[in-house]
Amino acid sequence: MKRIVSLFLGATLSLSSLHAQDAEEKVVQAGFVFNGGMLSTSFKTNQIESDGLGSSFGVGMGLHYNFKPHIALYTGLEFNFQSFSYSPTAGNNFFYDYSDREIYLNKDDESNAEGTFRIATRKQKPIVLTIPTMLIFRTNFIGYFRYYGKFGLRTSFVINQTVNDEGTNFEGILPQTGASIEKMKAKNDLLFIRSAGGMAAGAEWNFIGTTSLFLEAGFYYTFTPLFSGNGKSDRNGSSLYNINSDLSKTYRSFKASQMLIEFKLGILF
């Protein structure tokens, strides 16, 4: 019996070593990634405040280019579906003009607007294409597992942006309080390109041949502006405005930054 157990353990360790060697020697690994995380939005103004944590979920393809057994480059293409909410602070009122599902920006012809909406809460729902560029530093395989840390950049492009709003609708003769409108198109409200820096740590499980599963947790901080107006009034991309005492409009944009805590699961071949 002891001999059988010894042979089994020996065979398992040998197979593990072969698997690890296969994975260590492969130059390029590519596969699928899935991610989910929490978004924290910070506004650089007292007129708007965040309504708690937002969310980010994504799917895409990832690639490891292995320079050496301990150093690799990670890149890929990921589609991320994000959501975050914010509201005016007490005493601040913000409006926008719209027609059907299109929100008019300050550069557009407002005379075509069908209605005006005063927001109480706005949920922004962008879809972004993300290209990570990160360096990976990892350990040797310990059995079927090796551990790693990575840091670098995430460059994202906003490919679609819609908003869901709650507030007061002035479309008809009488204002409708407690109104909500969804899937409104807010083109160019968010800056088209954004960049974030960060780091992550995780583990890779080489379970057969050169095929591996990995699981990691990361932290990323966006250092480019979130909104296209970047806090300046009367800039293209601003859709919200205040109504002055003389009934003129002053368009507003806001400086804001985001932090992302993300968990990622992937399989590489």
C-alpha atoms as a PDB file:
ATOM      1  CA  MET A   1       0.000   0.000   0.000  1.00  0.00           C
ATOM      2  CA  LYS A   2       2.798   2.428   0.914  1.00  0.00           C
ATOM      3  CA  ARG A   3       4.502   1.617  -2.343  1.00  0.00           C
ATOM      4  CA  ILE A   4       1.354   2.437  -4.346  1.00  0.00           C
ATOM      5  CA  VAL A   5       0.934   5.737  -2.496  1.00  0.00           C
ATOM      6  CA  SER A   6       4.584   6.615  -3.121  1.00  0.00           C
ATOM      7  CA  LEU A   7       4.260   5.822  -6.828  1.00  0.00           C
ATOM      8  CA  PHE A   8       1.075   7.915  -7.086  1.00  0.00           C
ATOM      9  CA  LEU A   9       2.676  10.903  -5.355  1.00  0.00           C
ATOM     10  CA  GLY A  10       5.743  10.596  -7.524  1.00  0.00           C
ATOM     11  CA  ALA A  11       3.688  10.498 -10.715  1.00  0.00           C
ATOM     12  CA  THR A  12       1.619  13.496  -9.577  1.00  0.00           C
ATOM     13  CA  LEU A  13       4.708  15.569  -8.838  1.00  0.00           C
ATOM     14  CA  SER A  14       6.291  14.609 -12.155  1.00  0.00           C
ATOM     15  CA  LEU A  15       3.145  15.554 -14.081  1.00  0.00           C
ATOM     16  CA  SER A  16       2.934  18.824 -12.189  1.00  0.00           C
ATOM     17  CA  SER A  17       6.531  19.604 -13.087  1.00  0.00           C
ATOM     18  CA  LEU A  18       5.885  18.849 -16.763  1.00  0.00           C
ATOM     19  CA  HIS A  19       2.794  21.082 -16.823  1.00  0.00           C
ATOM     20  CA  ALA A  20       4.691  23.928 -15.149  1.00  0.00           C
ATOM     21  CA  GLN A  21       7.574  23.550 -17.566  1.00  0.00           C
ATOM     22  CA  ASP A  22       5.203  23.687 -20.560  1.00  0.00           C
ATOM     23  CA  ALA A  23       3.591  26.891 -19.271  1.00  0.00           C
ATOM     24  CA  GLU A  24       6.922  28.503 -18.400  1.00  0.00           C
ATOM     25  CA  GLU A  25       8.402  27.822 -21.843  1.00  0.00           C
ATOM     26  CA  LYS A  26       5.476  29.103 -23.922  1.00  0.00           C
ATOM     27  CA  VAL A  27       6.168  32.602 -25.287  1.00  0.00           C
ATOM     28  CA  VAL A  28       2.585  33.703 -26.021  1.00  0.00           C
ATOM     29  CA  GLN A  29      -0.598  32.776 -24.170  1.00  0.00           C
ATOM     30  CA  ALA A  30      -3.997  34.133 -25.188  1.00  0.00           C
ATOM     31  CA  GLY A  31      -7.540  33.532 -23.980  1.00  0.00           C
ATOM     32  CA  PHE A  32     -10.688  34.994 -22.466  1.00  0.00           C
ATOM     33  CA  VAL A  33     -11.133  37.278 -19.460  1.00  0.00           C
ATOM     34  CA  PHE A  34     -14.128  38.231 -17.337  1.00  0.00           C
ATOM     35  CA  ASN A  35     -14.142  41.036 -14.779  1.00  0.00           C
ATOM     36  CA  GLY A  36     -16.344  42.804 -12.289  1.00  0.00           C
ATOM     37  CA  GLY A  37     -15.717  45.623  -9.886  1.00  0.00           C
ATOM     38  CA  MET A  38     -16.769  48.698  -7.953  1.00  0.00           C
ATOM     39  CA  LEU A  39     -16.458  52.288  -9.201  1.00  0.00           C
ATOM     40  CA  SER A  40     -15.955  55.223  -6.857  1.00  0.00           C
ATOM     41  CA  THR A  41     -16.550  58.660  -8.391  1.00  0.00           C
ATOM     42  CA  SER A  42     -15.174  61.794  -6.747  1.00  0.00           C
ATOM     43  CA  PHE A  43     -16.448  65.238  -7.851  1.00  0.00           C
ATOM     44  CA  LYS A  44     -14.249  68.331  -7.461  1.00  0.00           C
ATOM     45  CA  THR A  45     -17.217  70.594  -6.720  1.00  0.00           C
ATOM     46  CA  ASN A  46     -19.801  71.258  -4.018  1.00  0.00           C
ATOM     47  CA  GLN A  47     -22.651  71.399  -6.555  1.00  0.00           C
ATOM     48  CA  ILE A  48     -22.752  67.672  -7.434  1.00  0.00           C
ATOM     49  CA  GLU A  49     -22.205  64.610  -5.275  1.00  0.00           C
ATOM     50  CA  SER A  50     -21.853  60.910  -5.961  1.00  0.00           C
ATOM     51  CA  ASP A  51     -24.672  58.527  -5.010  1.00  0.00           C
ATOM     52  CA  GLY A  52     -22.578  55.706  -3.592  1.00  0.00           C
ATOM     53  CA  LEU A  53     -20.544  53.118  -5.460  1.00  0.00           C
ATOM     54  CA  GLY A  54     -20.997  52.327  -9.121  1.00  0.00           C
ATOM     55  CA  SER A  55     -20.290  49.090 -10.950  1.00  0.00           C
ATOM     56  CA  SER A  56     -18.217  47.773 -13.835  1.00  0.00           C
ATOM     57  CA  PHE A  57     -18.586  44.418 -15.590  1.00  0.00           C
ATOM     58  CA  GLY A  58     -16.658  43.257 -18.618  1.00  0.00           C
ATOM     59  CA  VAL A  59     -15.610  40.512 -20.987  1.00  0.00           C
ATOM     60  CA  GLY A  60     -12.856  40.320 -23.558  1.00  0.00           C
ATOM     61  CA  MET A  61      -9.632  38.704 -24.662  1.00  0.00           C
ATOM     62  CA  GLY A  62      -6.263  38.778 -22.933  1.00  0.00           C
ATOM     63  CA  LEU A  63      -2.714  38.047 -24.050  1.00  0.00           C
ATOM     64  CA  HIS A  64       0.484  37.292 -22.154  1.00  0.00           C
ATOM     65  CA  TYR A  65       3.782  37.823 -23.964  1.00  0.00           C
ATOM     66  CA  ASN A  66       6.388  36.095 -21.823  1.00  0.00           C
ATOM     67  CA  PHE A  67       9.833  37.708 -22.036  1.00  0.00           C
ATOM     68  CA  LYS A  68      11.178  35.381 -19.366  1.00  0.00           C
ATOM     69  CA  PRO A  69       9.641  32.841 -16.961  1.00  0.00           C
ATOM     70  CA  HIS A  70       9.261  35.614 -14.371  1.00  0.00           C
ATOM     71  CA  ILE A  71       8.423  38.641 -16.550  1.00  0.00           C
ATOM     72  CA  ALA A  72       5.592  39.130 -19.056  1.00  0.00           C
ATOM     73  CA  LEU A  73       3.547  41.804 -20.806  1.00  0.00           C
ATOM     74  CA  TYR A  74      -0.228  41.695 -20.444  1.00  0.00           C
ATOM     75  CA  THR A  75      -2.510  43.317 -23.012  1.00  0.00           C
ATOM     76  CA  GLY A  76      -5.826  42.621 -24.728  1.00  0.00           C
ATOM     77  CA  LEU A  77      -9.249  44.040 -25.569  1.00  0.00           C
ATOM     78  CA  GLU A  78     -11.998  44.273 -22.958  1.00  0.00           C
ATOM     79  CA  PHE A  79     -15.543  45.596 -23.222  1.00  0.00           C
ATOM     80  CA  ASN A  80     -16.664  47.124 -19.923  1.00  0.00           C
ATOM     81  CA  PHE A  81     -20.257  48.001 -19.034  1.00  0.00           C
ATOM     82  CA  GLN A  82     -20.193  50.654 -16.333  1.00  0.00           C
ATOM     83  CA  SER A  83     -22.739  52.465 -14.214  1.00  0.00           C
ATOM     84  CA  PHE A  84     -22.449  55.295 -11.685  1.00  0.00           C
ATOM     85  CA  SER A  85     -24.893  57.823 -10.231  1.00  0.00           C
ATOM     86  CA  TYR A  86     -24.797  61.389  -8.967  1.00  0.00           C
ATOM     87  CA  SER A  87     -27.170  64.127  -7.796  1.00  0.00           C
ATOM     88  CA  PRO A  88     -27.178  67.891  -7.310  1.00  0.00           C
ATOM     89  CA  THR A  89     -26.496  68.965  -3.751  1.00  0.00           C
ATOM     90  CA  ALA A  90     -29.122  70.866  -1.762  1.00  0.00           C
ATOM     91  CA  GLY A  91     -29.949  74.241  -3.265  1.00  0.00           C
ATOM     92  CA  ASN A  92     -28.574  73.463  -6.729  1.00  0.00           C
ATOM     93  CA  ASN A  93     -30.805  72.911  -9.759  1.00  0.00           C
ATOM     94  CA  PHE A  94     -29.596  71.580 -13.088  1.00  0.00           C
ATOM     95  CA  PHE A  95     -31.604  71.318 -16.307  1.00  0.00           C
ATOM     96  CA  TYR A  96     -31.102  70.053 -19.825  1.00  0.00           C
ATOM     97  CA  ASP A  97     -33.058  70.266 -23.079  1.00  0.00           C
ATOM     98  CA  TYR A  98     -33.963  67.183 -25.078  1.00  0.00           C
ATOM     99  CA  SER A  99     -35.857  65.810 -28.057  1.00  0.00           C
ATOM    100  CA  ASP A 100     -37.050  62.197 -28.042  1.00  0.00           C
ATOM    101  CA  ARG A 101     -33.985  60.388 -26.602  1.00  0.00           C
ATOM    102  CA  GLU A 102     -31.365  62.961 -27.581  1.00  0.00           C
ATOM    103  CA  ILE A 103     -29.983  65.374 -25.008  1.00  0.00           C
ATOM    104  CA  TYR A 104     -29.016  68.724 -26.522  1.00  0.00           C
ATOM    105  CA  LEU A 105     -25.565  70.032 -25.756  1.00  0.00           C
ATOM    106  CA  ASN A 106     -24.833  73.731 -25.552  1.00  0.00           C
ATOM    107  CA  LYS A 107     -23.427  73.746 -29.091  1.00  0.00           C
ATOM    108  CA  ASP A 108     -26.698  72.431 -30.583  1.00  0.00           C
ATOM    109  CA  ASP A 109     -29.791  74.255 -31.801  1.00  0.00           C
ATOM    110  CA  GLU A 110     -31.936  74.389 -28.669  1.00  0.00           C
ATOM    111  CA  SER A 111     -34.973  75.624 -30.625  1.00  0.00           C
ATOM    112  CA  ASN A 112     -35.578  72.013 -31.733  1.00  0.00           C
ATOM    113  CA  ALA A 113     -35.955  70.781 -28.151  1.00  0.00           C
ATOM    114  CA  GLU A 114     -39.262  69.151 -27.221  1.00  0.00           C
ATOM    115  CA  GLY A 115     -38.847  69.367 -23.479  1.00  0.00           C
ATOM    116  CA  THR A 116     -36.731  70.382 -20.515  1.00  0.00           C
ATOM    117  CA  PHE A 117     -35.788  68.143 -17.608  1.00  0.00           C
ATOM    118  CA  ARG A 118     -34.554  69.046 -14.118  1.00  0.00           C
ATOM    119  CA  ILE A 119     -32.513  66.210 -12.668  1.00  0.00           C
ATOM    120  CA  ALA A 120     -32.808  64.896  -9.137  1.00  0.00           C
ATOM    121  CA  THR A 121     -30.605  61.862  -9.838  1.00  0.00           C
ATOM    122  CA  ARG A 122     -28.637  60.855 -12.913  1.00  0.00           C
ATOM    123  CA  LYS A 123     -27.287  57.362 -13.632  1.00  0.00           C
ATOM    124  CA  GLN A 124     -24.546  57.411 -16.252  1.00  0.00           C
ATOM    125  CA  LYS A 125     -24.133  54.116 -18.181  1.00  0.00           C
ATOM    126  CA  PRO A 126     -21.107  54.178 -20.491  1.00  0.00           C
ATOM    127  CA  ILE A 127     -19.757  51.244 -22.489  1.00  0.00           C
ATOM    128  CA  VAL A 128     -15.989  51.431 -22.876  1.00  0.00           C
ATOM    129  CA  LEU A 129     -13.376  49.511 -24.844  1.00  0.00           C
ATOM    130  CA  THR A 130     -10.309  49.017 -22.658  1.00  0.00           C
ATOM    131  CA  ILE A 131      -6.762  48.172 -23.738  1.00  0.00           C
ATOM    132  CA  PRO A 132      -4.552  47.230 -20.758  1.00  0.00           C
ATOM    133  CA  THR A 133      -0.766  47.517 -21.015  1.00  0.00           C
ATOM    134  CA  MET A 134       0.800  46.032 -17.919  1.00  0.00           C
ATOM    135  CA  LEU A 135       4.006  44.326 -16.823  1.00  0.00           C
ATOM    136  CA  ILE A 136       3.725  41.068 -14.866  1.00  0.00           C
ATOM    137  CA  PHE A 137       6.288  39.865 -12.321  1.00  0.00           C
ATOM    138  CA  ARG A 138       5.706  36.316 -11.071  1.00  0.00           C
ATOM    139  CA  THR A 139       7.171  33.491  -9.028  1.00  0.00           C
ATOM    140  CA  ASN A 140       8.244  30.034 -10.108  1.00  0.00           C
ATOM    141  CA  PHE A 141       5.543  27.388 -10.170  1.00  0.00           C
ATOM    142  CA  ILE A 142       4.899  25.798  -6.814  1.00  0.00           C
ATOM    143  CA  GLY A 143       3.178  22.619  -7.921  1.00  0.00           C
ATOM    144  CA  TYR A 144       0.434  23.762 -10.281  1.00  0.00           C
ATOM    145  CA  PHE A 145       0.403  27.360  -9.013  1.00  0.00           C
ATOM    146  CA  ARG A 146       2.429  30.514  -9.408  1.00  0.00           C
ATOM    147  CA  TYR A 147       1.745  33.965  -8.022  1.00  0.00           C
ATOM    148  CA  TYR A 148       2.218  37.367  -9.566  1.00  0.00           C
ATOM    149  CA  GLY A 149       1.908  41.096  -9.296  1.00  0.00           C
ATOM    150  CA  LYS A 150       1.446  43.511 -12.168  1.00  0.00           C
ATOM    151  CA  PHE A 151       1.267  47.240 -12.761  1.00  0.00           C
ATOM    152  CA  GLY A 152       0.733  49.556 -15.693  1.00  0.00           C
ATOM    153  CA  LEU A 153      -1.943  51.430 -17.617  1.00  0.00           C
ATOM    154  CA  ARG A 154      -5.522  50.898 -18.764  1.00  0.00           C
ATOM    155  CA  THR A 155      -6.487  53.047 -21.748  1.00  0.00           C
ATOM    156  CA  SER A 156     -10.241  53.166 -22.411  1.00  0.00           C
ATOM    157  CA  PHE A 157     -12.398  54.545 -25.212  1.00  0.00           C
ATOM    158  CA  VAL A 158     -16.061  55.422 -24.632  1.00  0.00           C
ATOM    159  CA  ILE A 159     -17.981  53.766 -27.483  1.00  0.00           C
ATOM    160  CA  ASN A 160     -21.495  54.419 -26.156  1.00  0.00           C
ATOM    161  CA  GLN A 161     -22.972  56.556 -23.397  1.00  0.00           C
ATOM    162  CA  THR A 162     -26.552  56.808 -22.167  1.00  0.00           C
ATOM    163  CA  VAL A 163     -28.147  58.198 -19.025  1.00  0.00           C
ATOM    164  CA  ASN A 164     -31.203  57.395 -16.920  1.00  0.00           C
ATOM    165  CA  ASP A 165     -32.614  60.444 -15.149  1.00  0.00           C
ATOM    166  CA  GLU A 166     -35.102  61.021 -12.365  1.00  0.00           C
ATOM    167  CA  GLY A 167     -36.543  64.461 -11.587  1.00  0.00           C
ATOM    168  CA  THR A 168     -39.073  66.906 -13.014  1.00  0.00           C
ATOM    169  CA  ASN A 169     -40.145  66.860 -16.657  1.00  0.00           C
ATOM    170  CA  PHE A 170     -41.262  70.140 -18.265  1.00  0.00           C
ATOM    171  CA  GLU A 171     -42.276  68.594 -21.602  1.00  0.00           C
ATOM    172  CA  GLY A 172     -45.994  69.402 -21.378  1.00  0.00           C
ATOM    173  CA  ILE A 173     -48.011  72.338 -20.096  1.00  0.00           C
ATOM    174  CA  LEU A 174     -47.678  71.273 -16.469  1.00  0.00           C
ATOM    175  CA  PRO A 175     -44.432  69.974 -14.919  1.00  0.00           C
ATOM    176  CA  GLN A 176     -44.377  66.270 -14.018  1.00  0.00           C
ATOM    177  CA  THR A 177     -42.646  65.731 -10.690  1.00  0.00           C
ATOM    178  CA  GLY A 178     -41.182  62.328  -9.879  1.00  0.00           C
ATOM    179  CA  ALA A 179     -40.660  61.673 -13.594  1.00  0.00           C
ATOM    180  CA  SER A 180     -38.025  59.342 -15.012  1.00  0.00           C
ATOM    181  CA  ILE A 181     -36.620  58.991 -18.522  1.00  0.00           C
ATOM    182  CA  GLU A 182     -34.239  56.242 -19.559  1.00  0.00           C
ATOM    183  CA  LYS A 183     -31.664  55.478 -22.245  1.00  0.00           C
ATOM    184  CA  MET A 184     -31.163  59.114 -23.126  1.00  0.00           C
ATOM    185  CA  LYS A 185     -28.277  59.707 -25.538  1.00  0.00           C
ATOM    186  CA  ALA A 186     -25.671  62.046 -24.082  1.00  0.00           C
ATOM    187  CA  LYS A 187     -23.097  62.080 -26.873  1.00  0.00           C
ATOM    188  CA  ASN A 188     -19.753  63.648 -25.880  1.00  0.00           C
ATOM    189  CA  ASP A 189     -20.853  64.215 -22.277  1.00  0.00           C
ATOM    190  CA  LEU A 190     -18.045  61.936 -21.096  1.00  0.00           C
ATOM    191  CA  LEU A 191     -14.540  62.381 -22.460  1.00  0.00           C
ATOM    192  CA  PHE A 192     -13.952  59.930 -25.325  1.00  0.00           C
ATOM    193  CA  ILE A 193     -10.599  58.671 -24.059  1.00  0.00           C
ATOM    194  CA  ARG A 194      -9.501  58.036 -20.501  1.00  0.00           C
ATOM    195  CA  SER A 195      -6.403  56.552 -18.947  1.00  0.00           C
ATOM    196  CA  ALA A 196      -5.891  54.902 -15.582  1.00  0.00           C
ATOM    197  CA  GLY A 197      -2.853  53.594 -13.767  1.00  0.00           C
ATOM    198  CA  GLY A 198      -2.880  50.810 -11.235  1.00  0.00           C
ATOM    199  CA  MET A 199      -1.687  47.492  -9.951  1.00  0.00           C
ATOM    200  CA  ALA A 200      -3.022  43.998  -9.345  1.00  0.00           C
ATOM    201  CA  ALA A 201      -2.042  40.747  -7.653  1.00  0.00           C
ATOM    202  CA  GLY A 202      -3.200  37.225  -8.352  1.00  0.00           C
ATOM    203  CA  ALA A 203      -2.545  33.544  -8.842  1.00  0.00           C
ATOM    204  CA  GLU A 204      -2.277  31.338 -11.932  1.00  0.00           C
ATOM    205  CA  TRP A 205      -3.304  27.669 -11.944  1.00  0.00           C
ATOM    206  CA  ASN A 206      -1.721  25.583 -14.685  1.00  0.00           C
ATOM    207  CA  PHE A 207      -4.160  22.669 -14.744  1.00  0.00           C
ATOM    208  CA  ILE A 208      -3.279  20.979 -18.051  1.00  0.00           C
ATOM    209  CA  GLY A 209      -0.550  21.447 -20.650  1.00  0.00           C
ATOM    210  CA  THR A 210      -0.081  25.162 -21.283  1.00  0.00           C
ATOM    211  CA  THR A 211      -3.678  25.997 -20.299  1.00  0.00           C
ATOM    212  CA  SER A 212      -4.025  28.120 -17.176  1.00  0.00           C
ATOM    213  CA  LEU A 213      -6.711  29.813 -15.128  1.00  0.00           C
ATOM    214  CA  PHE A 214      -5.919  33.037 -13.295  1.00  0.00           C
ATOM    215  CA  LEU A 215      -7.714  35.075 -10.667  1.00  0.00           C
ATOM    216  CA  GLU A 216      -6.649  38.527  -9.548  1.00  0.00           C
ATOM    217  CA  ALA A 217      -7.703  41.675  -7.701  1.00  0.00           C
ATOM    218  CA  GLY A 218      -6.629  45.137  -8.849  1.00  0.00           C
ATOM    219  CA  PHE A 219      -6.858  48.816  -8.021  1.00  0.00           C
ATOM    220  CA  TYR A 220      -6.915  51.544 -10.716  1.00  0.00           C
ATOM    221  CA  TYR A 221      -7.094  55.340 -10.597  1.00  0.00           C
ATOM    222  CA  THR A 222      -8.229  57.436 -13.581  1.00  0.00           C
ATOM    223  CA  PHE A 223      -5.974  60.466 -14.027  1.00  0.00           C
ATOM    224  CA  THR A 224      -7.621  61.928 -17.150  1.00  0.00           C
ATOM    225  CA  PRO A 225     -10.818  64.058 -16.902  1.00  0.00           C
ATOM    226  CA  LEU A 226     -14.073  62.128 -16.666  1.00  0.00           C
ATOM    227  CA  PHE A 227     -16.282  64.731 -18.366  1.00  0.00           C
ATOM    228  CA  SER A 228     -15.398  66.402 -21.648  1.00  0.00           C
ATOM    229  CA  GLY A 229     -16.028  69.912 -20.301  1.00  0.00           C
ATOM    230  CA  ASN A 230     -13.565  69.304 -17.433  1.00  0.00           C
ATOM    231  CA  GLY A 231     -15.200  71.821 -15.131  1.00  0.00           C
ATOM    232  CA  LYS A 232     -15.393  74.729 -17.595  1.00  0.00           C
ATOM    233  CA  SER A 233     -18.693  76.403 -18.486  1.00  0.00           C
ATOM    234  CA  ASP A 234     -19.927  76.865 -22.046  1.00  0.00           C
ATOM    235  CA  ARG A 235     -17.746  74.110 -23.431  1.00  0.00           C
ATOM    236  CA  ASN A 236     -18.833  71.586 -26.064  1.00  0.00           C
ATOM    237  CA  GLY A 237     -19.937  68.513 -24.219  1.00  0.00           C
ATOM    238  CA  SER A 238     -21.801  70.306 -21.432  1.00  0.00           C
ATOM    239  CA  SER A 239     -25.491  69.404 -21.293  1.00  0.00           C
ATOM    240  CA  LEU A 240     -26.529  70.574 -17.812  1.00  0.00           C
ATOM    241  CA  TYR A 241     -27.242  74.220 -17.142  1.00  0.00           C
ATOM    242  CA  ASN A 242     -28.445  76.607 -14.432  1.00  0.00           C
ATOM    243  CA  ILE A 243     -31.189  79.163 -15.089  1.00  0.00           C
ATOM    244  CA  ASN A 244     -30.101  82.643 -14.039  1.00  0.00           C
ATOM    245  CA  SER A 245     -32.343  85.381 -12.642  1.00  0.00           C
ATOM    246  CA  ASP A 246     -32.636  86.952 -16.110  1.00  0.00           C
ATOM    247  CA  LEU A 247     -33.699  83.508 -17.493  1.00  0.00           C
ATOM    248  CA  SER A 248     -30.401  83.077 -19.352  1.00  0.00           C
ATOM    249  CA  LYS A 249     -28.618  79.712 -19.230  1.00  0.00           C
ATOM    250  CA  THR A 250     -25.171  78.951 -17.857  1.00  0.00           C
ATOM    251  CA  TYR A 251     -23.940  75.522 -18.880  1.00  0.00           C
ATOM    252  CA  ARG A 252     -21.990  73.522 -16.345  1.00  0.00           C
ATOM    253  CA  SER A 253     -19.453  70.757 -16.542  1.00  0.00           C
ATOM    254  CA  PHE A 254     -17.664  69.161 -13.613  1.00  0.00           C
ATOM    255  CA  LYS A 255     -14.223  67.935 -12.739  1.00  0.00           C
ATOM    256  CA  ALA A 256     -14.342  64.367 -11.498  1.00  0.00           C
ATOM    257  CA  SER A 257     -12.099  61.332 -11.102  1.00  0.00           C
ATOM    258  CA  GLN A 258     -12.772  57.632 -10.607  1.00  0.00           C
ATOM    259  CA  MET A 259     -11.234  54.724  -8.771  1.00  0.00           C
ATOM    260  CA  LEU A 260     -11.891  51.107  -9.699  1.00  0.00           C
ATOM    261  CA  ILE A 261     -11.499  47.968  -7.599  1.00  0.00           C
ATOM    262  CA  GLU A 262     -11.676  45.071 -10.049  1.00  0.00           C
ATOM    263  CA  PHE A 263     -11.691  41.292  -9.809  1.00  0.00           C
ATOM    264  CA  LYS A 264     -10.659  39.413 -12.934  1.00  0.00           C
ATOM    265  CA  LEU A 265     -10.977  35.761 -13.946  1.00  0.00           C
ATOM    266  CA  GLY A 266      -9.357  34.462 -17.114  1.00  0.00           C
ATOM    267  CA  ILE A 267      -8.299  31.382 -19.023  1.00  0.00           C
ATOM    268  CA  LEU A 268      -5.178  31.339 -21.204  1.00  0.00           C
ATOM    269  CA  PHE A 269      -4.183  28.722 -23.769  1.00  0.00           C
END
